[in-house]
Amino acid sequence: SHLAYISDLNTGLSLAREGMERIRNLRITESQLQARGDSYE
């Protein structure tokens, strides 16, 4: 059961890093990010 949890945690961390990279690669300003607000993928 711990191995299953660790596998899910690795998947979650990979998805979080991917979401972080998407934000960084948008190449928009702080004001544009604030205007964009929260988003879901």
PDB file of all heavy atoms in Angstrom:
ATOM      1  N   SER A   1       0.828  -1.206   0.000  1.00  0.00           N
ATOM      2  CA  SER A   1       0.000   0.000   0.000  1.00  0.00           C
ATOM      3  C   SER A   1       0.869   1.265   0.000  1.00  0.00           C
ATOM      4  O   SER A   1       0.523   2.259  -0.627  1.00  0.00           O
ATOM      5  CB  SER A   1      -0.960   0.008   1.187  1.00  0.00           C
ATOM      6  OG  SER A   1      -0.254   0.101   2.403  1.00  0.00           O
ATOM      7  N   HIS A   2       2.018   1.223   0.687  1.00  0.00           N
ATOM      8  CA  HIS A   2       2.928   2.371   0.665  1.00  0.00           C
ATOM      9  C   HIS A   2       3.513   2.582  -0.734  1.00  0.00           C
ATOM     10  O   HIS A   2       3.686   3.725  -1.163  1.00  0.00           O
ATOM     11  CB  HIS A   2       4.057   2.210   1.681  1.00  0.00           C
ATOM     12  CG  HIS A   2       3.614   2.368   3.109  1.00  0.00           C
ATOM     13  ND1 HIS A   2       2.708   3.309   3.516  1.00  0.00           N
ATOM     14  CD2 HIS A   2       3.960   1.701   4.228  1.00  0.00           C
ATOM     15  CE1 HIS A   2       2.519   3.225   4.810  1.00  0.00           C
ATOM     16  NE2 HIS A   2       3.267   2.243   5.275  1.00  0.00           N
ATOM     17  N   LEU A   3       3.806   1.503  -1.428  1.00  0.00           N
ATOM     18  CA  LEU A   3       4.323   1.632  -2.796  1.00  0.00           C
ATOM     19  C   LEU A   3       3.285   2.273  -3.712  1.00  0.00           C
ATOM     20  O   LEU A   3       3.632   3.087  -4.570  1.00  0.00           O
ATOM     21  CB  LEU A   3       4.743   0.267  -3.339  1.00  0.00           C
ATOM     22  CG  LEU A   3       6.074  -0.271  -2.834  1.00  0.00           C
ATOM     23  CD1 LEU A   3       6.290  -1.691  -3.338  1.00  0.00           C
ATOM     24  CD2 LEU A   3       7.216   0.615  -3.270  1.00  0.00           C
ATOM     25  N   ALA A   4       2.021   1.916  -3.533  1.00  0.00           N
ATOM     26  CA  ALA A   4       0.961   2.525  -4.345  1.00  0.00           C
ATOM     27  C   ALA A   4       0.854   4.010  -4.046  1.00  0.00           C
ATOM     28  O   ALA A   4       0.704   4.837  -4.961  1.00  0.00           O
ATOM     29  CB  ALA A   4      -0.366   1.827  -4.080  1.00  0.00           C
ATOM     30  N   TYR A   5       0.953   4.387  -2.770  1.00  0.00           N
ATOM     31  CA  TYR A   5       0.890   5.807  -2.398  1.00  0.00           C
ATOM     32  C   TYR A   5       2.072   6.579  -2.987  1.00  0.00           C
ATOM     33  O   TYR A   5       1.917   7.678  -3.517  1.00  0.00           O
ATOM     34  CB  TYR A   5       0.862   5.952  -0.873  1.00  0.00           C
ATOM     35  CG  TYR A   5       0.906   7.387  -0.419  1.00  0.00           C
ATOM     36  CD1 TYR A   5      -0.216   8.208  -0.514  1.00  0.00           C
ATOM     37  CD2 TYR A   5       2.077   7.941   0.091  1.00  0.00           C
ATOM     38  CE1 TYR A   5      -0.177   9.537  -0.119  1.00  0.00           C
ATOM     39  CE2 TYR A   5       2.126   9.267   0.497  1.00  0.00           C
ATOM     40  CZ  TYR A   5       1.002  10.049   0.389  1.00  0.00           C
ATOM     41  OH  TYR A   5       1.053  11.359   0.783  1.00  0.00           O
ATOM     42  N   ILE A   6       3.266   5.991  -2.910  1.00  0.00           N
ATOM     43  CA  ILE A   6       4.461   6.653  -3.450  1.00  0.00           C
ATOM     44  C   ILE A   6       4.356   6.797  -4.964  1.00  0.00           C
ATOM     45  O   ILE A   6       4.748   7.818  -5.527  1.00  0.00           O
ATOM     46  CB  ILE A   6       5.727   5.884  -3.028  1.00  0.00           C
ATOM     47  CG1 ILE A   6       5.972   6.089  -1.534  1.00  0.00           C
ATOM     48  CG2 ILE A   6       6.938   6.324  -3.828  1.00  0.00           C
ATOM     49  CD1 ILE A   6       7.042   5.205  -0.950  1.00  0.00           C
ATOM     50  N   SER A   7       3.802   5.810  -5.629  1.00  0.00           N
ATOM     51  CA  SER A   7       3.600   5.902  -7.074  1.00  0.00           C
ATOM     52  C   SER A   7       2.642   7.051  -7.408  1.00  0.00           C
ATOM     53  O   SER A   7       2.891   7.826  -8.335  1.00  0.00           O
ATOM     54  CB  SER A   7       3.054   4.578  -7.601  1.00  0.00           C
ATOM     55  OG  SER A   7       2.728   4.682  -8.950  1.00  0.00           O
ATOM     56  N   ASP A   8       1.542   7.173  -6.642  1.00  0.00           N
ATOM     57  CA  ASP A   8       0.604   8.275  -6.855  1.00  0.00           C
ATOM     58  C   ASP A   8       1.269   9.614  -6.558  1.00  0.00           C
ATOM     59  O   ASP A   8       1.030  10.606  -7.256  1.00  0.00           O
ATOM     60  CB  ASP A   8      -0.634   8.109  -5.970  1.00  0.00           C
ATOM     61  CG  ASP A   8      -1.571   7.032  -6.474  1.00  0.00           C
ATOM     62  OD1 ASP A   8      -1.409   6.602  -7.637  1.00  0.00           O
ATOM     63  OD2 ASP A   8      -2.467   6.623  -5.711  1.00  0.00           O
ATOM     64  N   LEU A   9       2.094   9.657  -5.528  1.00  0.00           N
ATOM     65  CA  LEU A   9       2.784  10.899  -5.181  1.00  0.00           C
ATOM     66  C   LEU A   9       3.741  11.325  -6.298  1.00  0.00           C
ATOM     67  O   LEU A   9       3.801  12.501  -6.656  1.00  0.00           O
ATOM     68  CB  LEU A   9       3.542  10.717  -3.870  1.00  0.00           C
ATOM     69  CG  LEU A   9       4.036  11.968  -3.175  1.00  0.00           C
ATOM     70  CD1 LEU A   9       2.890  12.917  -2.866  1.00  0.00           C
ATOM     71  CD2 LEU A   9       4.762  11.590  -1.894  1.00  0.00           C
ATOM     72  N   ASN A  10       4.455  10.365  -6.885  1.00  0.00           N
ATOM     73  CA  ASN A  10       5.340  10.679  -8.014  1.00  0.00           C
ATOM     74  C   ASN A  10       4.550  11.191  -9.212  1.00  0.00           C
ATOM     75  O   ASN A  10       4.972  12.146  -9.883  1.00  0.00           O
ATOM     76  CB  ASN A  10       6.168   9.457  -8.409  1.00  0.00           C
ATOM     77  CG  ASN A  10       7.325   9.230  -7.481  1.00  0.00           C
ATOM     78  OD1 ASN A  10       7.827  10.145  -6.855  1.00  0.00           O
ATOM     79  ND2 ASN A  10       7.758   7.974  -7.388  1.00  0.00           N
ATOM     80  N   THR A  11       3.416  10.578  -9.490  1.00  0.00           N
ATOM     81  CA  THR A  11       2.564  11.045 -10.591  1.00  0.00           C
ATOM     82  C   THR A  11       2.081  12.467 -10.320  1.00  0.00           C
ATOM     83  O   THR A  11       2.122  13.331 -11.196  1.00  0.00           O
ATOM     84  CB  THR A  11       1.364  10.100 -10.786  1.00  0.00           C
ATOM     85  OG1 THR A  11       1.841   8.783 -11.045  1.00  0.00           O
ATOM     86  CG2 THR A  11       0.474  10.554 -11.924  1.00  0.00           C
ATOM     87  N   GLY A  12       1.641  12.725  -9.080  1.00  0.00           N
ATOM     88  CA  GLY A  12       1.175  14.062  -8.712  1.00  0.00           C
ATOM     89  C   GLY A  12       2.272  15.105  -8.823  1.00  0.00           C
ATOM     90  O   GLY A  12       2.039  16.209  -9.316  1.00  0.00           O
ATOM     91  N   LEU A  13       3.476  14.759  -8.377  1.00  0.00           N
ATOM     92  CA  LEU A  13       4.591  15.704  -8.483  1.00  0.00           C
ATOM     93  C   LEU A  13       4.951  15.992  -9.940  1.00  0.00           C
ATOM     94  O   LEU A  13       5.253  17.131 -10.299  1.00  0.00           O
ATOM     95  CB  LEU A  13       5.811  15.169  -7.735  1.00  0.00           C
ATOM     96  CG  LEU A  13       5.763  15.309  -6.220  1.00  0.00           C
ATOM     97  CD1 LEU A  13       6.925  14.554  -5.581  1.00  0.00           C
ATOM     98  CD2 LEU A  13       5.800  16.761  -5.816  1.00  0.00           C
ATOM     99  N   SER A  14       4.915  14.981 -10.772  1.00  0.00           N
ATOM    100  CA  SER A  14       5.195  15.188 -12.198  1.00  0.00           C
ATOM    101  C   SER A  14       4.154  16.111 -12.831  1.00  0.00           C
ATOM    102  O   SER A  14       4.500  17.005 -13.618  1.00  0.00           O
ATOM    103  CB  SER A  14       5.223  13.852 -12.939  1.00  0.00           C
ATOM    104  OG  SER A  14       6.280  13.056 -12.476  1.00  0.00           O
ATOM    105  N   LEU A  15       2.890  15.895 -12.486  1.00  0.00           N
ATOM    106  CA  LEU A  15       1.838  16.767 -13.013  1.00  0.00           C
ATOM    107  C   LEU A  15       1.992  18.200 -12.491  1.00  0.00           C
ATOM    108  O   LEU A  15       1.768  19.169 -13.227  1.00  0.00           O
ATOM    109  CB  LEU A  15       0.464  16.210 -12.649  1.00  0.00           C
ATOM    110  CG  LEU A  15       0.038  14.959 -13.398  1.00  0.00           C
ATOM    111  CD1 LEU A  15      -1.235  14.375 -12.804  1.00  0.00           C
ATOM    112  CD2 LEU A  15      -0.161  15.258 -14.878  1.00  0.00           C
ATOM    113  N   ALA A  16       2.397  18.353 -11.223  1.00  0.00           N
ATOM    114  CA  ALA A  16       2.595  19.685 -10.652  1.00  0.00           C
ATOM    115  C   ALA A  16       3.738  20.409 -11.364  1.00  0.00           C
ATOM    116  O   ALA A  16       3.633  21.598 -11.686  1.00  0.00           O
ATOM    117  CB  ALA A  16       2.876  19.576  -9.159  1.00  0.00           C
ATOM    118  N   ARG A  17       4.810  19.693 -11.610  1.00  0.00           N
ATOM    119  CA  ARG A  17       5.934  20.306 -12.336  1.00  0.00           C
ATOM    120  C   ARG A  17       5.522  20.703 -13.753  1.00  0.00           C
ATOM    121  O   ARG A  17       5.921  21.748 -14.265  1.00  0.00           O
ATOM    122  CB  ARG A  17       7.113  19.344 -12.370  1.00  0.00           C
ATOM    123  CG  ARG A  17       7.784  19.201 -11.035  1.00  0.00           C
ATOM    124  CD  ARG A  17       8.986  18.285 -11.105  1.00  0.00           C
ATOM    125  NE  ARG A  17       9.514  18.051  -9.783  1.00  0.00           N
ATOM    126  CZ  ARG A  17       9.690  16.848  -9.251  1.00  0.00           C
ATOM    127  NH1 ARG A  17       9.422  15.767  -9.940  1.00  0.00           N
ATOM    128  NH2 ARG A  17      10.170  16.727  -8.025  1.00  0.00           N
ATOM    129  N   GLU A  18       4.725  19.854 -14.384  1.00  0.00           N
ATOM    130  CA  GLU A  18       4.239  20.167 -15.728  1.00  0.00           C
ATOM    131  C   GLU A  18       3.365  21.420 -15.702  1.00  0.00           C
ATOM    132  O   GLU A  18       3.484  22.308 -16.562  1.00  0.00           O
ATOM    133  CB  GLU A  18       3.454  18.984 -16.288  1.00  0.00           C
ATOM    134  CG  GLU A  18       2.892  19.216 -17.664  1.00  0.00           C
ATOM    135  CD  GLU A  18       2.052  18.055 -18.154  1.00  0.00           C
ATOM    136  OE1 GLU A  18       2.272  16.912 -17.693  1.00  0.00           O
ATOM    137  OE2 GLU A  18       1.177  18.296 -19.006  1.00  0.00           O
ATOM    138  N   GLY A  19       2.486  21.519 -14.704  1.00  0.00           N
ATOM    139  CA  GLY A  19       1.640  22.714 -14.571  1.00  0.00           C
ATOM    140  C   GLY A  19       2.459  23.963 -14.306  1.00  0.00           C
ATOM    141  O   GLY A  19       2.154  25.048 -14.822  1.00  0.00           O
ATOM    142  N   MET A  20       3.522  23.823 -13.536  1.00  0.00           N
ATOM    143  CA  MET A  20       4.408  24.947 -13.248  1.00  0.00           C
ATOM    144  C   MET A  20       5.125  25.393 -14.520  1.00  0.00           C
ATOM    145  O   MET A  20       5.244  26.585 -14.793  1.00  0.00           O
ATOM    146  CB  MET A  20       5.424  24.533 -12.193  1.00  0.00           C
ATOM    147  CG  MET A  20       6.225  25.658 -11.642  1.00  0.00           C
ATOM    148  SD  MET A  20       5.236  26.785 -10.663  1.00  0.00           S
ATOM    149  CE  MET A  20       4.795  25.769  -9.290  1.00  0.00           C
ATOM    150  N   GLU A  21       5.602  24.448 -15.298  1.00  0.00           N
ATOM    151  CA  GLU A  21       6.289  24.787 -16.541  1.00  0.00           C
ATOM    152  C   GLU A  21       5.345  25.464 -17.532  1.00  0.00           C
ATOM    153  O   GLU A  21       5.757  26.340 -18.283  1.00  0.00           O
ATOM    154  CB  GLU A  21       6.921  23.540 -17.170  1.00  0.00           C
ATOM    155  CG  GLU A  21       8.133  23.023 -16.427  1.00  0.00           C
ATOM    156  CD  GLU A  21       9.246  24.058 -16.322  1.00  0.00           C
ATOM    157  OE1 GLU A  21       9.538  24.748 -17.324  1.00  0.00           O
ATOM    158  OE2 GLU A  21       9.815  24.193 -15.219  1.00  0.00           O
ATOM    159  N   ARG A  22       4.079  25.064 -17.547  1.00  0.00           N
ATOM    160  CA  ARG A  22       3.115  25.719 -18.439  1.00  0.00           C
ATOM    161  C   ARG A  22       2.980  27.197 -18.094  1.00  0.00           C
ATOM    162  O   ARG A  22       2.912  28.047 -18.978  1.00  0.00           O
ATOM    163  CB  ARG A  22       1.757  25.033 -18.344  1.00  0.00           C
ATOM    164  CG  ARG A  22       1.693  23.757 -19.115  1.00  0.00           C
ATOM    165  CD  ARG A  22       0.292  23.230 -19.135  1.00  0.00           C
ATOM    166  NE  ARG A  22       0.275  21.914 -19.770  1.00  0.00           N
ATOM    167  CZ  ARG A  22      -0.675  21.031 -19.616  1.00  0.00           C
ATOM    168  NH1 ARG A  22      -1.697  21.312 -18.836  1.00  0.00           N
ATOM    169  NH2 ARG A  22      -0.614  19.873 -20.230  1.00  0.00           N
ATOM    170  N   ILE A  23       2.932  27.506 -16.798  1.00  0.00           N
ATOM    171  CA  ILE A  23       2.837  28.907 -16.368  1.00  0.00           C
ATOM    172  C   ILE A  23       4.077  29.672 -16.791  1.00  0.00           C
ATOM    173  O   ILE A  23       4.006  30.779 -17.328  1.00  0.00           O
ATOM    174  CB  ILE A  23       2.659  28.986 -14.834  1.00  0.00           C
ATOM    175  CG1 ILE A  23       1.281  28.509 -14.430  1.00  0.00           C
ATOM    176  CG2 ILE A  23       2.910  30.391 -14.310  1.00  0.00           C
ATOM    177  CD1 ILE A  23       0.178  29.489 -14.662  1.00  0.00           C
ATOM    178  N   ARG A  24       5.235  29.101 -16.552  1.00  0.00           N
ATOM    179  CA  ARG A  24       6.492  29.782 -16.893  1.00  0.00           C
ATOM    180  C   ARG A  24       6.632  29.993 -18.398  1.00  0.00           C
ATOM    181  O   ARG A  24       7.216  30.966 -18.845  1.00  0.00           O
ATOM    182  CB  ARG A  24       7.679  28.977 -16.379  1.00  0.00           C
ATOM    183  CG  ARG A  24       7.836  29.050 -14.890  1.00  0.00           C
ATOM    184  CD  ARG A  24       9.077  28.339 -14.456  1.00  0.00           C
ATOM    185  NE  ARG A  24       9.175  28.331 -13.004  1.00  0.00           N
ATOM    186  CZ  ARG A  24       9.854  27.459 -12.321  1.00  0.00           C
ATOM    187  NH1 ARG A  24      10.520  26.505 -12.939  1.00  0.00           N
ATOM    188  NH2 ARG A  24       9.908  27.522 -11.013  1.00  0.00           N
ATOM    189  N   ASN A  25       6.128  29.066 -19.196  1.00  0.00           N
ATOM    190  CA  ASN A  25       6.290  29.143 -20.642  1.00  0.00           C
ATOM    191  C   ASN A  25       5.234  30.013 -21.325  1.00  0.00           C
ATOM    192  O   ASN A  25       5.279  30.178 -22.542  1.00  0.00           O
ATOM    193  CB  ASN A  25       6.287  27.737 -21.254  1.00  0.00           C
ATOM    194  CG  ASN A  25       7.531  26.961 -20.880  1.00  0.00           C
ATOM    195  OD1 ASN A  25       8.578  27.535 -20.626  1.00  0.00           O
ATOM    196  ND2 ASN A  25       7.401  25.656 -20.823  1.00  0.00           N
ATOM    197  N   LEU A  26       4.289  30.556 -20.557  1.00  0.00           N
ATOM    198  CA  LEU A  26       3.280  31.427 -21.163  1.00  0.00           C
ATOM    199  C   LEU A  26       3.894  32.727 -21.667  1.00  0.00           C
ATOM    200  O   LEU A  26       3.407  33.339 -22.600  1.00  0.00           O
ATOM    201  CB  LEU A  26       2.164  31.739 -20.158  1.00  0.00           C
ATOM    202  CG  LEU A  26       1.176  30.627 -19.875  1.00  0.00           C
ATOM    203  CD1 LEU A  26       0.195  31.055 -18.793  1.00  0.00           C
ATOM    204  CD2 LEU A  26       0.428  30.229 -21.137  1.00  0.00           C
ATOM    205  N   ARG A  27       4.975  33.176 -21.028  1.00  0.00           N
ATOM    206  CA  ARG A  27       5.681  34.398 -21.408  1.00  0.00           C
ATOM    207  C   ARG A  27       4.748  35.613 -21.385  1.00  0.00           C
ATOM    208  O   ARG A  27       4.688  36.392 -22.336  1.00  0.00           O
ATOM    209  CB  ARG A  27       6.325  34.271 -22.792  1.00  0.00           C
ATOM    210  CG  ARG A  27       7.262  33.109 -22.935  1.00  0.00           C
ATOM    211  CD  ARG A  27       8.660  33.551 -22.619  1.00  0.00           C
ATOM    212  NE  ARG A  27       9.572  32.450 -22.928  1.00  0.00           N
ATOM    213  CZ  ARG A  27      10.516  32.069 -22.109  1.00  0.00           C
ATOM    214  NH1 ARG A  27      10.701  32.685 -20.973  1.00  0.00           N
ATOM    215  NH2 ARG A  27      11.317  31.085 -22.423  1.00  0.00           N
ATOM    216  N   ILE A  28       3.978  35.719 -20.313  1.00  0.00           N
ATOM    217  CA  ILE A  28       3.131  36.898 -20.152  1.00  0.00           C
ATOM    218  C   ILE A  28       3.525  37.603 -18.856  1.00  0.00           C
ATOM    219  O   ILE A  28       4.181  37.030 -17.987  1.00  0.00           O
ATOM    220  CB  ILE A  28       1.627  36.532 -20.168  1.00  0.00           C
ATOM    221  CG1 ILE A  28       1.286  35.511 -19.081  1.00  0.00           C
ATOM    222  CG2 ILE A  28       1.221  35.985 -21.519  1.00  0.00           C
ATOM    223  CD1 ILE A  28      -0.193  35.154 -19.020  1.00  0.00           C
ATOM    224  N   THR A  29       3.121  38.834 -18.719  1.00  0.00           N
ATOM    225  CA  THR A  29       3.528  39.653 -17.581  1.00  0.00           C
ATOM    226  C   THR A  29       2.724  39.301 -16.337  1.00  0.00           C
ATOM    227  O   THR A  29       1.706  38.600 -16.414  1.00  0.00           O
ATOM    228  CB  THR A  29       3.328  41.148 -17.909  1.00  0.00           C
ATOM    229  OG1 THR A  29       1.931  41.383 -18.098  1.00  0.00           O
ATOM    230  CG2 THR A  29       4.110  41.558 -19.149  1.00  0.00           C
ATOM    231  N   GLU A  30       3.183  39.874 -15.215  1.00  0.00           N
ATOM    232  CA  GLU A  30       2.477  39.647 -13.953  1.00  0.00           C
ATOM    233  C   GLU A  30       1.039  40.142 -14.032  1.00  0.00           C
ATOM    234  O   GLU A  30       0.120  39.458 -13.564  1.00  0.00           O
ATOM    235  CB  GLU A  30       3.189  40.372 -12.802  1.00  0.00           C
ATOM    236  CG  GLU A  30       4.487  39.738 -12.380  1.00  0.00           C
ATOM    237  CD  GLU A  30       5.095  40.471 -11.196  1.00  0.00           C
ATOM    238  OE1 GLU A  30       4.370  40.719 -10.205  1.00  0.00           O
ATOM    239  OE2 GLU A  30       6.294  40.792 -11.256  1.00  0.00           O
ATOM    240  N   SER A  31       0.848  41.306 -14.607  1.00  0.00           N
ATOM    241  CA  SER A  31      -0.512  41.857 -14.697  1.00  0.00           C
ATOM    242  C   SER A  31      -1.405  40.978 -15.577  1.00  0.00           C
ATOM    243  O   SER A  31      -2.594  40.808 -15.292  1.00  0.00           O
ATOM    244  CB  SER A  31      -0.471  43.295 -15.221  1.00  0.00           C
ATOM    245  OG  SER A  31       0.151  43.344 -16.483  1.00  0.00           O
ATOM    246  N   GLN A  32      -0.839  40.431 -16.658  1.00  0.00           N
ATOM    247  CA  GLN A  32      -1.625  39.530 -17.507  1.00  0.00           C
ATOM    248  C   GLN A  32      -1.970  38.237 -16.757  1.00  0.00           C
ATOM    249  O   GLN A  32      -3.071  37.711 -16.907  1.00  0.00           O
ATOM    250  CB  GLN A  32      -0.852  39.212 -18.795  1.00  0.00           C
ATOM    251  CG  GLN A  32      -0.764  40.376 -19.749  1.00  0.00           C
ATOM    252  CD  GLN A  32       0.175  40.084 -20.912  1.00  0.00           C
ATOM    253  OE1 GLN A  32       1.193  39.412 -20.748  1.00  0.00           O
ATOM    254  NE2 GLN A  32      -0.164  40.623 -22.081  1.00  0.00           N
ATOM    255  N   LEU A  33      -1.023  37.715 -15.947  1.00  0.00           N
ATOM    256  CA  LEU A  33      -1.296  36.517 -15.141  1.00  0.00           C
ATOM    257  C   LEU A  33      -2.380  36.797 -14.106  1.00  0.00           C
ATOM    258  O   LEU A  33      -3.264  35.970 -13.873  1.00  0.00           O
ATOM    259  CB  LEU A  33      -0.028  36.024 -14.448  1.00  0.00           C
ATOM    260  CG  LEU A  33       0.901  35.152 -15.271  1.00  0.00           C
ATOM    261  CD1 LEU A  33       2.202  34.900 -14.529  1.00  0.00           C
ATOM    262  CD2 LEU A  33       0.245  33.836 -15.620  1.00  0.00           C
ATOM    263  N   GLN A  34      -2.331  37.993 -13.475  1.00  0.00           N
ATOM    264  CA  GLN A  34      -3.353  38.343 -12.492  1.00  0.00           C
ATOM    265  C   GLN A  34      -4.716  38.460 -13.154  1.00  0.00           C
ATOM    266  O   GLN A  34      -5.729  38.035 -12.611  1.00  0.00           O
ATOM    267  CB  GLN A  34      -2.982  39.652 -11.782  1.00  0.00           C
ATOM    268  CG  GLN A  34      -1.863  39.477 -10.791  1.00  0.00           C
ATOM    269  CD  GLN A  34      -1.494  40.786 -10.106  1.00  0.00           C
ATOM    270  OE1 GLN A  34      -2.044  41.847 -10.412  1.00  0.00           O
ATOM    271  NE2 GLN A  34      -0.546  40.712  -9.190  1.00  0.00           N
ATOM    272  N   ALA A  35      -4.740  39.043 -14.362  1.00  0.00           N
ATOM    273  CA  ALA A  35      -6.007  39.178 -15.090  1.00  0.00           C
ATOM    274  C   ALA A  35      -6.533  37.804 -15.515  1.00  0.00           C
ATOM    275  O   ALA A  35      -7.747  37.576 -15.538  1.00  0.00           O
ATOM    276  CB  ALA A  35      -5.815  40.074 -16.303  1.00  0.00           C
ATOM    277  N   ARG A  36      -5.629  36.902 -15.831  1.00  0.00           N
ATOM    278  CA  ARG A  36      -6.013  35.534 -16.238  1.00  0.00           C
ATOM    279  C   ARG A  36      -6.651  34.794 -15.074  1.00  0.00           C
ATOM    280  O   ARG A  36      -7.607  34.048 -15.253  1.00  0.00           O
ATOM    281  CB  ARG A  36      -4.767  34.797 -16.728  1.00  0.00           C
ATOM    282  CG  ARG A  36      -4.987  33.394 -17.191  1.00  0.00           C
ATOM    283  CD  ARG A  36      -3.666  32.836 -17.751  1.00  0.00           C
ATOM    284  NE  ARG A  36      -3.814  31.463 -18.138  1.00  0.00           N
ATOM    285  CZ  ARG A  36      -3.305  30.430 -17.465  1.00  0.00           C
ATOM    286  NH1 ARG A  36      -2.602  30.635 -16.391  1.00  0.00           N
ATOM    287  NH2 ARG A  36      -3.498  29.200 -17.894  1.00  0.00           N
ATOM    288  N   GLY A  37      -6.122  34.999 -13.859  1.00  0.00           N
ATOM    289  CA  GLY A  37      -6.687  34.372 -12.661  1.00  0.00           C
ATOM    290  C   GLY A  37      -6.398  32.881 -12.584  1.00  0.00           C
ATOM    291  O   GLY A  37      -5.489  32.360 -13.229  1.00  0.00           O
ATOM    292  N   ASP A  38      -7.206  32.195 -11.784  1.00  0.00           N
ATOM    293  CA  ASP A  38      -7.028  30.754 -11.592  1.00  0.00           C
ATOM    294  C   ASP A  38      -7.450  29.998 -12.845  1.00  0.00           C
ATOM    295  O   ASP A  38      -8.378  30.401 -13.547  1.00  0.00           O
ATOM    296  CB  ASP A  38      -7.857  30.269 -10.411  1.00  0.00           C
ATOM    297  CG  ASP A  38      -7.379  30.844  -9.089  1.00  0.00           C
ATOM    298  OD1 ASP A  38      -6.324  31.506  -9.082  1.00  0.00           O
ATOM    299  OD2 ASP A  38      -8.048  30.630  -8.076  1.00  0.00           O
ATOM    300  N   SER A  39      -6.760  28.920 -13.114  1.00  0.00           N
ATOM    301  CA  SER A  39      -7.127  28.083 -14.262  1.00  0.00           C
ATOM    302  C   SER A  39      -6.999  26.621 -13.882  1.00  0.00           C
ATOM    303  O   SER A  39      -6.277  26.257 -12.951  1.00  0.00           O
ATOM    304  CB  SER A  39      -6.242  28.409 -15.470  1.00  0.00           C
ATOM    305  OG  SER A  39      -4.895  28.098 -15.175  1.00  0.00           O
ATOM    306  N   TYR A  40      -7.739  25.789 -14.604  1.00  0.00           N
ATOM    307  CA  TYR A  40      -7.732  24.344 -14.366  1.00  0.00           C
ATOM    308  C   TYR A  40      -7.317  23.630 -15.643  1.00  0.00           C
ATOM    309  O   TYR A  40      -7.665  24.050 -16.739  1.00  0.00           O
ATOM    310  CB  TYR A  40      -9.120  23.856 -13.959  1.00  0.00           C
ATOM    311  CG  TYR A  40      -9.521  24.266 -12.567  1.00  0.00           C
ATOM    312  CD1 TYR A  40     -10.172  25.478 -12.338  1.00  0.00           C
ATOM    313  CD2 TYR A  40      -9.264  23.443 -11.488  1.00  0.00           C
ATOM    314  CE1 TYR A  40     -10.549  25.861 -11.065  1.00  0.00           C
ATOM    315  CE2 TYR A  40      -9.634  23.810 -10.214  1.00  0.00           C
ATOM    316  CZ  TYR A  40     -10.276  25.016 -10.003  1.00  0.00           C
ATOM    317  OH  TYR A  40     -10.638  25.382  -8.748  1.00  0.00           O
ATOM    318  N   GLU A  41      -6.589  22.550 -15.476  1.00  0.00           N
ATOM    319  CA  GLU A  41      -6.223  21.665 -16.589  1.00  0.00           C
ATOM    320  C   GLU A  41      -6.671  20.260 -16.239  1.00  0.00           C
ATOM    321  O   GLU A  41      -6.179  19.714 -15.258  1.00  0.00           O
ATOM    322  CB  GLU A  41      -4.703  21.660 -16.805  1.00  0.00           C
ATOM    323  CG  GLU A  41      -4.122  22.936 -17.323  1.00  0.00           C
ATOM    324  CD  GLU A  41      -4.457  23.190 -18.772  1.00  0.00           C
ATOM    325  OE1 GLU A  41      -4.630  22.218 -19.525  1.00  0.00           O
ATOM    326  OE2 GLU A  41      -4.557  24.357 -19.139  1.00  0.00           O
TER     327      GLU A  41
END
